[in-house]
Amino acid sequence: MAKVNLYISNDAYEKINAIIEKRRQEGAREK
């Protein structure tokens, strides 16, 4: 179970990281 939970949170972490990176790039363009 722990391995499955770790995989899910790792996948979610990567998706959230990608969204944050996109927003940072968009914010940099505005400045």
PDB file of N, CA and C in Angstrom:
ATOM      1  N   MET A   1       0.839  -1.206   0.000  1.00  0.00           N
ATOM      2  CA  MET A   1       0.000   0.000   0.000  1.00  0.00           C
ATOM      3  C   MET A   1       0.878   1.262   0.000  1.00  0.00           C
ATOM      4  N   ALA A   2       1.922   1.250   0.792  1.00  0.00           N
ATOM      5  CA  ALA A   2       2.775   2.439   0.882  1.00  0.00           C
ATOM      6  C   ALA A   2       3.381   2.764  -0.480  1.00  0.00           C
ATOM      7  N   LYS A   3       3.797   1.723  -1.204  1.00  0.00           N
ATOM      8  CA  LYS A   3       4.402   1.961  -2.521  1.00  0.00           C
ATOM      9  C   LYS A   3       3.382   2.567  -3.478  1.00  0.00           C
ATOM     10  N   VAL A   4       2.152   2.082  -3.416  1.00  0.00           N
ATOM     11  CA  VAL A   4       1.103   2.608  -4.304  1.00  0.00           C
ATOM     12  C   VAL A   4       0.834   4.070  -3.969  1.00  0.00           C
ATOM     13  N   ASN A   5       0.711   4.382  -2.687  1.00  0.00           N
ATOM     14  CA  ASN A   5       0.456   5.764  -2.278  1.00  0.00           C
ATOM     15  C   ASN A   5       1.615   6.665  -2.702  1.00  0.00           C
ATOM     16  N   LEU A   6       2.830   6.171  -2.560  1.00  0.00           N
ATOM     17  CA  LEU A   6       4.001   6.962  -2.928  1.00  0.00           C
ATOM     18  C   LEU A   6       3.977   7.254  -4.427  1.00  0.00           C
ATOM     19  N   TYR A   7       3.604   6.247  -5.230  1.00  0.00           N
ATOM     20  CA  TYR A   7       3.549   6.435  -6.680  1.00  0.00           C
ATOM     21  C   TYR A   7       2.508   7.485  -7.043  1.00  0.00           C
ATOM     22  N   ILE A   8       1.345   7.411  -6.390  1.00  0.00           N
ATOM     23  CA  ILE A   8       0.259   8.350  -6.705  1.00  0.00           C
ATOM     24  C   ILE A   8       0.682   9.773  -6.321  1.00  0.00           C
ATOM     25  N   SER A   9       1.225   9.943  -5.121  1.00  0.00           N
ATOM     26  CA  SER A   9       1.609  11.290  -4.712  1.00  0.00           C
ATOM     27  C   SER A   9       2.767  11.800  -5.557  1.00  0.00           C
ATOM     28  N   ASN A  10       3.650  10.905  -5.995  1.00  0.00           N
ATOM     29  CA  ASN A  10       4.764  11.319  -6.845  1.00  0.00           C
ATOM     30  C   ASN A  10       4.231  11.795  -8.195  1.00  0.00           C
ATOM     31  N   ASP A  11       3.244  11.091  -8.737  1.00  0.00           N
ATOM     32  CA  ASP A  11       2.644  11.478 -10.016  1.00  0.00           C
ATOM     33  C   ASP A  11       1.934  12.817  -9.862  1.00  0.00           C
ATOM     34  N   ALA A  12       1.191  12.973  -8.780  1.00  0.00           N
ATOM     35  CA  ALA A  12       0.471  14.228  -8.539  1.00  0.00           C
ATOM     36  C   ALA A  12       1.474  15.361  -8.337  1.00  0.00           C
ATOM     37  N   TYR A  13       2.571  15.073  -7.644  1.00  0.00           N
ATOM     38  CA  TYR A  13       3.599  16.091  -7.404  1.00  0.00           C
ATOM     39  C   TYR A  13       4.174  16.594  -8.720  1.00  0.00           C
ATOM     40  N   GLU A  14       4.428  15.678  -9.649  1.00  0.00           N
ATOM     41  CA  GLU A  14       4.981  16.085 -10.949  1.00  0.00           C
ATOM     42  C   GLU A  14       3.982  16.946 -11.715  1.00  0.00           C
ATOM     43  N   LYS A  15       2.698  16.582 -11.654  1.00  0.00           N
ATOM     44  CA  LYS A  15       1.674  17.375 -12.361  1.00  0.00           C
ATOM     45  C   LYS A  15       1.577  18.768 -11.760  1.00  0.00           C
ATOM     46  N   ILE A  16       1.580  18.846 -10.429  1.00  0.00           N
ATOM     47  CA  ILE A  16       1.499  20.156  -9.769  1.00  0.00           C
ATOM     48  C   ILE A  16       2.742  20.978 -10.112  1.00  0.00           C
ATOM     49  N   ASN A  17       3.900  20.332 -10.115  1.00  0.00           N
ATOM     50  CA  ASN A  17       5.152  21.026 -10.439  1.00  0.00           C
ATOM     51  C   ASN A  17       5.084  21.610 -11.846  1.00  0.00           C
ATOM     52  N   ALA A  18       4.535  20.854 -12.795  1.00  0.00           N
ATOM     53  CA  ALA A  18       4.430  21.327 -14.177  1.00  0.00           C
ATOM     54  C   ALA A  18       3.517  22.542 -14.246  1.00  0.00           C
ATOM     55  N   ILE A  19       2.425  22.522 -13.484  1.00  0.00           N
ATOM     56  CA  ILE A  19       1.487  23.655 -13.491  1.00  0.00           C
ATOM     57  C   ILE A  19       2.172  24.889 -12.897  1.00  0.00           C
ATOM     58  N   ILE A  20       2.904  24.694 -11.806  1.00  0.00           N
ATOM     59  CA  ILE A  20       3.597  25.826 -11.169  1.00  0.00           C
ATOM     60  C   ILE A  20       4.633  26.399 -12.133  1.00  0.00           C
ATOM     61  N   GLU A  21       5.353  25.530 -12.822  1.00  0.00           N
ATOM     62  CA  GLU A  21       6.370  25.994 -13.772  1.00  0.00           C
ATOM     63  C   GLU A  21       5.722  26.805 -14.886  1.00  0.00           C
ATOM     64  N   LYS A  22       4.564  26.346 -15.374  1.00  0.00           N
ATOM     65  CA  LYS A  22       3.850  27.081 -16.436  1.00  0.00           C
ATOM     66  C   LYS A  22       3.453  28.463 -15.937  1.00  0.00           C
ATOM     67  N   ARG A  23       2.903  28.533 -14.737  1.00  0.00           N
ATOM     68  CA  ARG A  23       2.463  29.829 -14.196  1.00  0.00           C
ATOM     69  C   ARG A  23       3.654  30.753 -13.998  1.00  0.00           C
ATOM     70  N   ARG A  24       4.793  30.195 -13.576  1.00  0.00           N
ATOM     71  CA  ARG A  24       5.989  31.026 -13.378  1.00  0.00           C
ATOM     72  C   ARG A  24       6.423  31.625 -14.710  1.00  0.00           C
ATOM     73  N   GLN A  25       6.404  30.818 -15.771  1.00  0.00           N
ATOM     74  CA  GLN A  25       6.825  31.310 -17.085  1.00  0.00           C
ATOM     75  C   GLN A  25       5.852  32.382 -17.573  1.00  0.00           C
ATOM     76  N   GLU A  26       4.557  32.172 -17.346  1.00  0.00           N
ATOM     77  CA  GLU A  26       3.568  33.169 -17.771  1.00  0.00           C
ATOM     78  C   GLU A  26       3.751  34.460 -16.981  1.00  0.00           C
ATOM     79  N   GLY A  27       4.022  34.334 -15.683  1.00  0.00           N
ATOM     80  CA  GLY A  27       4.234  35.519 -14.849  1.00  0.00           C
ATOM     81  C   GLY A  27       5.492  36.261 -15.275  1.00  0.00           C
ATOM     82  N   ALA A  28       6.519  35.525 -15.674  1.00  0.00           N
ATOM     83  CA  ALA A  28       7.768  36.159 -16.105  1.00  0.00           C
ATOM     84  C   ALA A  28       7.529  36.953 -17.383  1.00  0.00           C
ATOM     85  N   ARG A  29       6.668  36.452 -18.259  1.00  0.00           N
ATOM     86  CA  ARG A  29       6.381  37.167 -19.511  1.00  0.00           C
ATOM     87  C   ARG A  29       5.671  38.480 -19.218  1.00  0.00           C
ATOM     88  N   GLU A  30       4.787  38.484 -18.216  1.00  0.00           N
ATOM     89  CA  GLU A  30       4.026  39.701 -17.906  1.00  0.00           C
ATOM     90  C   GLU A  30       4.934  40.797 -17.364  1.00  0.00           C
ATOM     91  N   LYS A  31       5.969  40.407 -16.597  1.00  0.00           N
ATOM     92  CA  LYS A  31       6.837  41.420 -15.966  1.00  0.00           C
ATOM     93  C   LYS A  31       7.776  42.074 -16.969  1.00  0.00           C
TER      94      LYS A  31
END
